[in-house]
Amino acid sequence: MSYKVKYLETVRSDRADIKTYLDQYSSVAARKLFAKIKQKMLLVKGNPYMYRTYERRPQFRVMVVDDYLVFYKVNEEHNIIEVHRVLHGMLDIEQQLPTS
């Protein structure tokens, strides 16, 4: 069974922040990063439990892409993978993730 991927509004904001930051160093870095994320999400659509649960917030799964962490939840009822955040691994993750 294939799941649909839904990117929440927080991811759109994360994407804009990441692009602004990475554009300082390379005009293509952000585009490459999000292409990698999209490619990995294609795999997750067929196997949503392939990445580990995040220990501190077990309702999330976490996928590592370069220096970034992609946090998502699996909604079994609607067959949707909800992508909540894309965060740099050096950030204070606990401050950035929703508690529910």
PDB file of N, CA and C in Angstrom:
ATOM      1  N   MET A   1       0.843  -1.177   0.000  1.00  0.00           N
ATOM      2  CA  MET A   1       0.000   0.000   0.000  1.00  0.00           C
ATOM      3  C   MET A   1       0.892   1.245   0.000  1.00  0.00           C
ATOM      4  N   SER A   2       0.508   2.191  -0.793  1.00  0.00           N
ATOM      5  CA  SER A   2       1.262   3.436  -0.871  1.00  0.00           C
ATOM      6  C   SER A   2       0.528   4.536  -0.107  1.00  0.00           C
ATOM      7  N   TYR A   3       1.277   5.295   0.626  1.00  0.00           N
ATOM      8  CA  TYR A   3       0.744   6.402   1.413  1.00  0.00           C
ATOM      9  C   TYR A   3       0.925   7.707   0.645  1.00  0.00           C
ATOM     10  N   LYS A   4       0.107   8.675   0.964  1.00  0.00           N
ATOM     11  CA  LYS A   4       0.290  10.018   0.424  1.00  0.00           C
ATOM     12  C   LYS A   4       1.167  10.789   1.400  1.00  0.00           C
ATOM     13  N   VAL A   5       1.919  11.737   0.883  1.00  0.00           N
ATOM     14  CA  VAL A   5       2.774  12.575   1.723  1.00  0.00           C
ATOM     15  C   VAL A   5       2.151  13.965   1.810  1.00  0.00           C
ATOM     16  N   LYS A   6       2.003  14.437   3.030  1.00  0.00           N
ATOM     17  CA  LYS A   6       1.457  15.770   3.267  1.00  0.00           C
ATOM     18  C   LYS A   6       2.508  16.581   4.037  1.00  0.00           C
ATOM     19  N   TYR A   7       2.939  17.680   3.439  1.00  0.00           N
ATOM     20  CA  TYR A   7       3.892  18.575   4.093  1.00  0.00           C
ATOM     21  C   TYR A   7       3.101  19.659   4.812  1.00  0.00           C
ATOM     22  N   LEU A   8       3.297  19.751   6.118  1.00  0.00           N
ATOM     23  CA  LEU A   8       2.577  20.764   6.888  1.00  0.00           C
ATOM     24  C   LEU A   8       3.169  22.146   6.645  1.00  0.00           C
ATOM     25  N   GLU A   9       2.431  23.165   7.042  1.00  0.00           N
ATOM     26  CA  GLU A   9       2.864  24.551   6.839  1.00  0.00           C
ATOM     27  C   GLU A   9       4.218  24.819   7.491  1.00  0.00           C
ATOM     28  N   THR A  10       4.505  24.164   8.597  1.00  0.00           N
ATOM     29  CA  THR A  10       5.802  24.354   9.261  1.00  0.00           C
ATOM     30  C   THR A  10       6.959  23.950   8.352  1.00  0.00           C
ATOM     31  N   VAL A  11       6.746  22.967   7.494  1.00  0.00           N
ATOM     32  CA  VAL A  11       7.799  22.529   6.565  1.00  0.00           C
ATOM     33  C   VAL A  11       8.040  23.593   5.497  1.00  0.00           C
ATOM     34  N   ARG A  12       6.985  24.240   5.079  1.00  0.00           N
ATOM     35  CA  ARG A  12       7.149  25.324   4.096  1.00  0.00           C
ATOM     36  C   ARG A  12       8.004  26.439   4.690  1.00  0.00           C
ATOM     37  N   SER A  13       7.767  26.733   5.938  1.00  0.00           N
ATOM     38  CA  SER A  13       8.568  27.748   6.634  1.00  0.00           C
ATOM     39  C   SER A  13      10.012  27.272   6.801  1.00  0.00           C
ATOM     40  N   ASP A  14      10.178  26.002   7.190  1.00  0.00           N
ATOM     41  CA  ASP A  14      11.529  25.439   7.323  1.00  0.00           C
ATOM     42  C   ASP A  14      12.271  25.516   5.992  1.00  0.00           C
ATOM     43  N   ARG A  15      11.574  25.183   4.932  1.00  0.00           N
ATOM     44  CA  ARG A  15      12.186  25.196   3.601  1.00  0.00           C
ATOM     45  C   ARG A  15      12.674  26.601   3.236  1.00  0.00           C
ATOM     46  N   ALA A  16      11.859  27.594   3.509  1.00  0.00           N
ATOM     47  CA  ALA A  16      12.257  28.976   3.213  1.00  0.00           C
ATOM     48  C   ALA A  16      13.476  29.375   4.032  1.00  0.00           C
ATOM     49  N   ASP A  17      13.496  29.000   5.313  1.00  0.00           N
ATOM     50  CA  ASP A  17      14.645  29.310   6.171  1.00  0.00           C
ATOM     51  C   ASP A  17      15.910  28.609   5.688  1.00  0.00           C
ATOM     52  N   ILE A  18      15.778  27.348   5.331  1.00  0.00           N
ATOM     53  CA  ILE A  18      16.930  26.573   4.851  1.00  0.00           C
ATOM     54  C   ILE A  18      17.460  27.167   3.547  1.00  0.00           C
ATOM     55  N   LYS A  19      16.552  27.517   2.652  1.00  0.00           N
ATOM     56  CA  LYS A  19      16.969  28.100   1.384  1.00  0.00           C
ATOM     57  C   LYS A  19      17.711  29.414   1.604  1.00  0.00           C
ATOM     58  N   THR A  20      17.180  30.254   2.465  1.00  0.00           N
ATOM     59  CA  THR A  20      17.841  31.532   2.759  1.00  0.00           C
ATOM     60  C   THR A  20      19.243  31.291   3.301  1.00  0.00           C
ATOM     61  N   TYR A  21      19.365  30.345   4.217  1.00  0.00           N
ATOM     62  CA  TYR A  21      20.666  30.050   4.810  1.00  0.00           C
ATOM     63  C   TYR A  21      21.637  29.464   3.777  1.00  0.00           C
ATOM     64  N   LEU A  22      21.209  28.426   3.070  1.00  0.00           N
ATOM     65  CA  LEU A  22      22.114  27.743   2.140  1.00  0.00           C
ATOM     66  C   LEU A  22      22.469  28.586   0.923  1.00  0.00           C
ATOM     67  N   ASP A  23      21.589  29.482   0.524  1.00  0.00           N
ATOM     68  CA  ASP A  23      21.884  30.344  -0.626  1.00  0.00           C
ATOM     69  C   ASP A  23      23.103  31.239  -0.391  1.00  0.00           C
ATOM     70  N   GLN A  24      23.464  31.448   0.860  1.00  0.00           N
ATOM     71  CA  GLN A  24      24.667  32.225   1.175  1.00  0.00           C
ATOM     72  C   GLN A  24      25.925  31.515   0.672  1.00  0.00           C
ATOM     73  N   TYR A  25      25.853  30.193   0.590  1.00  0.00           N
ATOM     74  CA  TYR A  25      27.025  29.386   0.257  1.00  0.00           C
ATOM     75  C   TYR A  25      26.966  28.784  -1.144  1.00  0.00           C
ATOM     76  N   SER A  26      25.768  28.466  -1.586  1.00  0.00           N
ATOM     77  CA  SER A  26      25.622  27.821  -2.893  1.00  0.00           C
ATOM     78  C   SER A  26      24.194  28.030  -3.385  1.00  0.00           C
ATOM     79  N   SER A  27      24.074  28.423  -4.619  1.00  0.00           N
ATOM     80  CA  SER A  27      22.742  28.668  -5.169  1.00  0.00           C
ATOM     81  C   SER A  27      21.968  27.372  -5.443  1.00  0.00           C
ATOM     82  N   VAL A  28      22.661  26.233  -5.443  1.00  0.00           N
ATOM     83  CA  VAL A  28      21.992  24.962  -5.729  1.00  0.00           C
ATOM     84  C   VAL A  28      21.892  24.040  -4.510  1.00  0.00           C
ATOM     85  N   ALA A  29      22.497  24.406  -3.409  1.00  0.00           N
ATOM     86  CA  ALA A  29      22.540  23.517  -2.234  1.00  0.00           C
ATOM     87  C   ALA A  29      21.148  23.194  -1.702  1.00  0.00           C
ATOM     88  N   ALA A  30      20.298  24.185  -1.572  1.00  0.00           N
ATOM     89  CA  ALA A  30      18.948  23.941  -1.046  1.00  0.00           C
ATOM     90  C   ALA A  30      18.155  23.066  -2.006  1.00  0.00           C
ATOM     91  N   ARG A  31      18.279  23.329  -3.286  1.00  0.00           N
ATOM     92  CA  ARG A  31      17.566  22.527  -4.280  1.00  0.00           C
ATOM     93  C   ARG A  31      18.009  21.066  -4.220  1.00  0.00           C
ATOM     94  N   LYS A  32      19.305  20.828  -4.055  1.00  0.00           N
ATOM     95  CA  LYS A  32      19.818  19.461  -3.940  1.00  0.00           C
ATOM     96  C   LYS A  32      19.308  18.785  -2.666  1.00  0.00           C
ATOM     97  N   LEU A  33      19.310  19.518  -1.557  1.00  0.00           N
ATOM     98  CA  LEU A  33      18.830  18.963  -0.292  1.00  0.00           C
ATOM     99  C   LEU A  33      17.373  18.534  -0.415  1.00  0.00           C
ATOM    100  N   PHE A  34      16.534  19.407  -0.956  1.00  0.00           N
ATOM    101  CA  PHE A  34      15.114  19.062  -1.039  1.00  0.00           C
ATOM    102  C   PHE A  34      14.838  17.999  -2.096  1.00  0.00           C
ATOM    103  N   ALA A  35      15.683  17.882  -3.091  1.00  0.00           N
ATOM    104  CA  ALA A  35      15.564  16.772  -4.045  1.00  0.00           C
ATOM    105  C   ALA A  35      15.867  15.444  -3.346  1.00  0.00           C
ATOM    106  N   LYS A  36      16.876  15.451  -2.462  1.00  0.00           N
ATOM    107  CA  LYS A  36      17.201  14.233  -1.694  1.00  0.00           C
ATOM    108  C   LYS A  36      16.047  13.850  -0.770  1.00  0.00           C
ATOM    109  N   ILE A  37      15.476  14.862  -0.115  1.00  0.00           N
ATOM    110  CA  ILE A  37      14.346  14.590   0.783  1.00  0.00           C
ATOM    111  C   ILE A  37      13.182  14.001  -0.010  1.00  0.00           C
ATOM    112  N   LYS A  38      12.885  14.597  -1.151  1.00  0.00           N
ATOM    113  CA  LYS A  38      11.785  14.106  -1.979  1.00  0.00           C
ATOM    114  C   LYS A  38      12.041  12.667  -2.420  1.00  0.00           C
ATOM    115  N   GLN A  39      13.270  12.367  -2.803  1.00  0.00           N
ATOM    116  CA  GLN A  39      13.623  11.011  -3.234  1.00  0.00           C
ATOM    117  C   GLN A  39      13.433  10.005  -2.097  1.00  0.00           C
ATOM    118  N   LYS A  40      13.872  10.366  -0.908  1.00  0.00           N
ATOM    119  CA  LYS A  40      13.709   9.464   0.239  1.00  0.00           C
ATOM    120  C   LYS A  40      12.238   9.309   0.615  1.00  0.00           C
ATOM    121  N   MET A  41      11.458  10.382   0.467  1.00  0.00           N
ATOM    122  CA  MET A  41      10.039  10.291   0.792  1.00  0.00           C
ATOM    123  C   MET A  41       9.308   9.361  -0.173  1.00  0.00           C
ATOM    124  N   LEU A  42       9.800   9.225  -1.397  1.00  0.00           N
ATOM    125  CA  LEU A  42       9.209   8.261  -2.322  1.00  0.00           C
ATOM    126  C   LEU A  42       9.336   6.842  -1.777  1.00  0.00           C
ATOM    127  N   LEU A  43      10.455   6.553  -1.139  1.00  0.00           N
ATOM    128  CA  LEU A  43      10.642   5.240  -0.509  1.00  0.00           C
ATOM    129  C   LEU A  43       9.748   5.077   0.715  1.00  0.00           C
ATOM    130  N   VAL A  44       9.626   6.149   1.482  1.00  0.00           N
ATOM    131  CA  VAL A  44       8.814   6.109   2.702  1.00  0.00           C
ATOM    132  C   VAL A  44       7.340   5.879   2.359  1.00  0.00           C
ATOM    133  N   LYS A  45       6.902   6.385   1.224  1.00  0.00           N
ATOM    134  CA  LYS A  45       5.501   6.195   0.811  1.00  0.00           C
ATOM    135  C   LYS A  45       5.130   4.716   0.759  1.00  0.00           C
ATOM    136  N   GLY A  46       6.073   3.870   0.386  1.00  0.00           N
ATOM    137  CA  GLY A  46       5.822   2.433   0.312  1.00  0.00           C
ATOM    138  C   GLY A  46       6.129   1.691   1.593  1.00  0.00           C
ATOM    139  N   ASN A  47       6.919   2.303   2.464  1.00  0.00           N
ATOM    140  CA  ASN A  47       7.312   1.674   3.723  1.00  0.00           C
ATOM    141  C   ASN A  47       7.478   2.763   4.789  1.00  0.00           C
ATOM    142  N   PRO A  48       6.372   3.251   5.335  1.00  0.00           N
ATOM    143  CA  PRO A  48       6.434   4.407   6.233  1.00  0.00           C
ATOM    144  C   PRO A  48       7.164   4.159   7.555  1.00  0.00           C
ATOM    145  N   TYR A  49       7.410   2.914   7.892  1.00  0.00           N
ATOM    146  CA  TYR A  49       8.075   2.616   9.159  1.00  0.00           C
ATOM    147  C   TYR A  49       9.558   2.288   8.970  1.00  0.00           C
ATOM    148  N   MET A  50      10.114   2.644   7.830  1.00  0.00           N
ATOM    149  CA  MET A  50      11.504   2.296   7.554  1.00  0.00           C
ATOM    150  C   MET A  50      12.495   3.108   8.382  1.00  0.00           C
ATOM    151  N   TYR A  51      12.095   4.266   8.877  1.00  0.00           N
ATOM    152  CA  TYR A  51      12.984   5.072   9.723  1.00  0.00           C
ATOM    153  C   TYR A  51      12.567   4.945  11.179  1.00  0.00           C
ATOM    154  N   ARG A  52      13.531   5.153  12.038  1.00  0.00           N
ATOM    155  CA  ARG A  52      13.333   4.923  13.472  1.00  0.00           C
ATOM    156  C   ARG A  52      12.413   5.966  14.099  1.00  0.00           C
ATOM    157  N   THR A  53      11.847   5.584  15.237  1.00  0.00           N
ATOM    158  CA  THR A  53      11.091   6.560  16.011  1.00  0.00           C
ATOM    159  C   THR A  53      12.084   7.474  16.725  1.00  0.00           C
ATOM    160  N   TYR A  54      11.671   8.689  16.947  1.00  0.00           N
ATOM    161  CA  TYR A  54      12.498   9.656  17.654  1.00  0.00           C
ATOM    162  C   TYR A  54      12.309   9.416  19.150  1.00  0.00           C
ATOM    163  N   GLU A  55      13.390   9.078  19.838  1.00  0.00           N
ATOM    164  CA  GLU A  55      13.310   8.627  21.229  1.00  0.00           C
ATOM    165  C   GLU A  55      12.592   9.615  22.143  1.00  0.00           C
ATOM    166  N   ARG A  56      12.855  10.887  21.975  1.00  0.00           N
ATOM    167  CA  ARG A  56      12.302  11.892  22.890  1.00  0.00           C
ATOM    168  C   ARG A  56      10.850  12.244  22.586  1.00  0.00           C
ATOM    169  N   ARG A  57      10.423  11.966  21.394  1.00  0.00           N
ATOM    170  CA  ARG A  57       9.028  12.183  20.985  1.00  0.00           C
ATOM    171  C   ARG A  57       8.624  11.005  20.108  1.00  0.00           C
ATOM    172  N   PRO A  58       8.253   9.889  20.740  1.00  0.00           N
ATOM    173  CA  PRO A  58       8.020   8.655  19.985  1.00  0.00           C
ATOM    174  C   PRO A  58       6.859   8.709  18.999  1.00  0.00           C
ATOM    175  N   GLN A  59       6.064   9.756  19.023  1.00  0.00           N
ATOM    176  CA  GLN A  59       5.000   9.876  18.025  1.00  0.00           C
ATOM    177  C   GLN A  59       5.567  10.252  16.654  1.00  0.00           C
ATOM    178  N   PHE A  60       6.857  10.662  16.630  1.00  0.00           N
ATOM    179  CA  PHE A  60       7.518  11.039  15.384  1.00  0.00           C
ATOM    180  C   PHE A  60       8.498   9.963  14.935  1.00  0.00           C
ATOM    181  N   ARG A  61       8.673   9.882  13.636  1.00  0.00           N
ATOM    182  CA  ARG A  61       9.763   9.133  13.045  1.00  0.00           C
ATOM    183  C   ARG A  61      10.727  10.164  12.508  1.00  0.00           C
ATOM    184  N   VAL A  62      12.006   9.796  12.401  1.00  0.00           N
ATOM    185  CA  VAL A  62      13.012  10.750  11.954  1.00  0.00           C
ATOM    186  C   VAL A  62      13.859  10.143  10.843  1.00  0.00           C
ATOM    187  N   MET A  63      14.023  10.929   9.797  1.00  0.00           N
ATOM    188  CA  MET A  63      14.821  10.537   8.642  1.00  0.00           C
ATOM    189  C   MET A  63      15.982  11.523   8.539  1.00  0.00           C
ATOM    190  N   VAL A  64      17.194  11.012   8.412  1.00  0.00           N
ATOM    191  CA  VAL A  64      18.375  11.866   8.302  1.00  0.00           C
ATOM    192  C   VAL A  64      18.690  12.078   6.818  1.00  0.00           C
ATOM    193  N   VAL A  65      18.856  13.355   6.459  1.00  0.00           N
ATOM    194  CA  VAL A  65      19.249  13.721   5.097  1.00  0.00           C
ATOM    195  C   VAL A  65      20.352  14.763   5.231  1.00  0.00           C
ATOM    196  N   ASP A  66      21.568  14.345   4.950  1.00  0.00           N
ATOM    197  CA  ASP A  66      22.744  15.208   5.132  1.00  0.00           C
ATOM    198  C   ASP A  66      22.779  15.680   6.585  1.00  0.00           C
ATOM    199  N   ASP A  67      22.806  16.992   6.813  1.00  0.00           N
ATOM    200  CA  ASP A  67      22.863  17.529   8.175  1.00  0.00           C
ATOM    201  C   ASP A  67      21.484  17.821   8.746  1.00  0.00           C
ATOM    202  N   TYR A  68      20.447  17.386   8.060  1.00  0.00           N
ATOM    203  CA  TYR A  68      19.078  17.733   8.438  1.00  0.00           C
ATOM    204  C   TYR A  68      18.298  16.517   8.902  1.00  0.00           C
ATOM    205  N   LEU A  69      17.314  16.776   9.751  1.00  0.00           N
ATOM    206  CA  LEU A  69      16.431  15.742  10.265  1.00  0.00           C
ATOM    207  C   LEU A  69      15.016  16.052   9.794  1.00  0.00           C
ATOM    208  N   VAL A  70      14.377  15.059   9.210  1.00  0.00           N
ATOM    209  CA  VAL A  70      13.007  15.202   8.722  1.00  0.00           C
ATOM    210  C   VAL A  70      12.116  14.432   9.694  1.00  0.00           C
ATOM    211  N   PHE A  71      11.199  15.140  10.333  1.00  0.00           N
ATOM    212  CA  PHE A  71      10.314  14.531  11.322  1.00  0.00           C
ATOM    213  C   PHE A  71       8.939  14.332  10.709  1.00  0.00           C
ATOM    214  N   TYR A  72       8.436  13.093  10.819  1.00  0.00           N
ATOM    215  CA  TYR A  72       7.122  12.810  10.250  1.00  0.00           C
ATOM    216  C   TYR A  72       6.341  11.853  11.142  1.00  0.00           C
ATOM    217  N   LYS A  73       5.021  11.859  10.939  1.00  0.00           N
ATOM    218  CA  LYS A  73       4.113  10.935  11.609  1.00  0.00           C
ATOM    219  C   LYS A  73       3.386  10.130  10.544  1.00  0.00           C
ATOM    220  N   VAL A  74       3.032   8.908  10.909  1.00  0.00           N
ATOM    221  CA  VAL A  74       2.259   8.049  10.013  1.00  0.00           C
ATOM    222  C   VAL A  74       0.813   8.049  10.496  1.00  0.00           C
ATOM    223  N   ASN A  75      -0.083   8.485   9.630  1.00  0.00           N
ATOM    224  CA  ASN A  75      -1.510   8.484   9.924  1.00  0.00           C
ATOM    225  C   ASN A  75      -2.113   7.274   9.222  1.00  0.00           C
ATOM    226  N   GLU A  76      -2.255   6.185   9.963  1.00  0.00           N
ATOM    227  CA  GLU A  76      -2.751   4.921   9.411  1.00  0.00           C
ATOM    228  C   GLU A  76      -4.204   5.034   8.958  1.00  0.00           C
ATOM    229  N   GLU A  77      -4.986   5.786   9.689  1.00  0.00           N
ATOM    230  CA  GLU A  77      -6.411   5.896   9.387  1.00  0.00           C
ATOM    231  C   GLU A  77      -6.653   6.448   7.978  1.00  0.00           C
ATOM    232  N   HIS A  78      -5.825   7.413   7.577  1.00  0.00           N
ATOM    233  CA  HIS A  78      -6.016   8.054   6.276  1.00  0.00           C
ATOM    234  C   HIS A  78      -4.897   7.730   5.271  1.00  0.00           C
ATOM    235  N   ASN A  79      -3.980   6.838   5.655  1.00  0.00           N
ATOM    236  CA  ASN A  79      -2.848   6.464   4.788  1.00  0.00           C
ATOM    237  C   ASN A  79      -2.051   7.692   4.331  1.00  0.00           C
ATOM    238  N   ILE A  80      -1.705   8.516   5.309  1.00  0.00           N
ATOM    239  CA  ILE A  80      -0.971   9.747   5.028  1.00  0.00           C
ATOM    240  C   ILE A  80       0.291   9.797   5.884  1.00  0.00           C
ATOM    241  N   ILE A  81       1.366  10.238   5.277  1.00  0.00           N
ATOM    242  CA  ILE A  81       2.597  10.540   5.998  1.00  0.00           C
ATOM    243  C   ILE A  81       2.626  12.051   6.153  1.00  0.00           C
ATOM    244  N   GLU A  82       2.549  12.514   7.397  1.00  0.00           N
ATOM    245  CA  GLU A  82       2.527  13.939   7.694  1.00  0.00           C
ATOM    246  C   GLU A  82       3.931  14.394   8.057  1.00  0.00           C
ATOM    247  N   VAL A  83       4.531  15.196   7.196  1.00  0.00           N
ATOM    248  CA  VAL A  83       5.873  15.711   7.455  1.00  0.00           C
ATOM    249  C   VAL A  83       5.707  17.004   8.253  1.00  0.00           C
ATOM    250  N   HIS A  84       6.276  17.011   9.474  1.00  0.00           N
ATOM    251  CA  HIS A  84       6.070  18.126  10.390  1.00  0.00           C
ATOM    252  C   HIS A  84       7.197  19.152  10.374  1.00  0.00           C
ATOM    253  N   ARG A  85       8.435  18.687  10.309  1.00  0.00           N
ATOM    254  CA  ARG A  85       9.567  19.621  10.370  1.00  0.00           C
ATOM    255  C   ARG A  85      10.744  19.084   9.583  1.00  0.00           C
ATOM    256  N   VAL A  86      11.561  20.010   9.072  1.00  0.00           N
ATOM    257  CA  VAL A  86      12.870  19.706   8.500  1.00  0.00           C
ATOM    258  C   VAL A  86      13.829  20.640   9.226  1.00  0.00           C
ATOM    259  N   LEU A  87      14.671  20.062  10.092  1.00  0.00           N
ATOM    260  CA  LEU A  87      15.503  20.863  10.982  1.00  0.00           C
ATOM    261  C   LEU A  87      16.969  20.472  10.870  1.00  0.00           C
ATOM    262  N   HIS A  88      17.822  21.445  10.998  1.00  0.00           N
ATOM    263  CA  HIS A  88      19.255  21.163  11.044  1.00  0.00           C
ATOM    264  C   HIS A  88      19.546  20.407  12.328  1.00  0.00           C
ATOM    265  N   GLY A  89      20.396  19.426  12.244  1.00  0.00           N
ATOM    266  CA  GLY A  89      20.706  18.578  13.393  1.00  0.00           C
ATOM    267  C   GLY A  89      21.339  19.301  14.566  1.00  0.00           C
ATOM    268  N   MET A  90      21.892  20.490  14.342  1.00  0.00           N
ATOM    269  CA  MET A  90      22.530  21.237  15.427  1.00  0.00           C
ATOM    270  C   MET A  90      21.555  22.129  16.198  1.00  0.00           C
ATOM    271  N   LEU A  91      20.317  22.236  15.735  1.00  0.00           N
ATOM    272  CA  LEU A  91      19.331  23.044  16.434  1.00  0.00           C
ATOM    273  C   LEU A  91      18.871  22.348  17.711  1.00  0.00           C
ATOM    274  N   ASP A  92      18.236  23.088  18.577  1.00  0.00           N
ATOM    275  CA  ASP A  92      17.614  22.520  19.766  1.00  0.00           C
ATOM    276  C   ASP A  92      16.292  21.895  19.321  1.00  0.00           C
ATOM    277  N   ILE A  93      16.340  20.640  18.987  1.00  0.00           N
ATOM    278  CA  ILE A  93      15.191  19.942  18.419  1.00  0.00           C
ATOM    279  C   ILE A  93      13.981  19.996  19.350  1.00  0.00           C
ATOM    280  N   GLU A  94      14.205  19.852  20.632  1.00  0.00           N
ATOM    281  CA  GLU A  94      13.109  19.825  21.589  1.00  0.00           C
ATOM    282  C   GLU A  94      12.294  21.115  21.560  1.00  0.00           C
ATOM    283  N   GLN A  95      12.940  22.224  21.275  1.00  0.00           N
ATOM    284  CA  GLN A  95      12.236  23.502  21.201  1.00  0.00           C
ATOM    285  C   GLN A  95      11.439  23.641  19.912  1.00  0.00           C
ATOM    286  N   GLN A  96      11.785  22.872  18.889  1.00  0.00           N
ATOM    287  CA  GLN A  96      11.206  23.034  17.566  1.00  0.00           C
ATOM    288  C   GLN A  96      10.035  22.079  17.261  1.00  0.00           C
ATOM    289  N   LEU A  97      10.002  20.941  17.946  1.00  0.00           N
ATOM    290  CA  LEU A  97       8.954  19.953  17.659  1.00  0.00           C
ATOM    291  C   LEU A  97       7.705  20.203  18.488  1.00  0.00           C
ATOM    292  N   PRO A  98       6.541  19.987  17.889  1.00  0.00           N
ATOM    293  CA  PRO A  98       5.311  20.087  18.678  1.00  0.00           C
ATOM    294  C   PRO A  98       5.265  18.949  19.704  1.00  0.00           C
ATOM    295  N   THR A  99       4.570  19.163  20.784  1.00  0.00           N
ATOM    296  CA  THR A  99       4.517  18.152  21.839  1.00  0.00           C
ATOM    297  C   THR A  99       3.463  17.082  21.558  1.00  0.00           C
ATOM    298  N   SER A 100       2.524  17.337  20.667  1.00  0.00           N
ATOM    299  CA  SER A 100       1.507  16.322  20.385  1.00  0.00           C
ATOM    300  C   SER A 100       1.664  15.735  19.019  1.00  0.00           C
TER     301      SER A 100
END
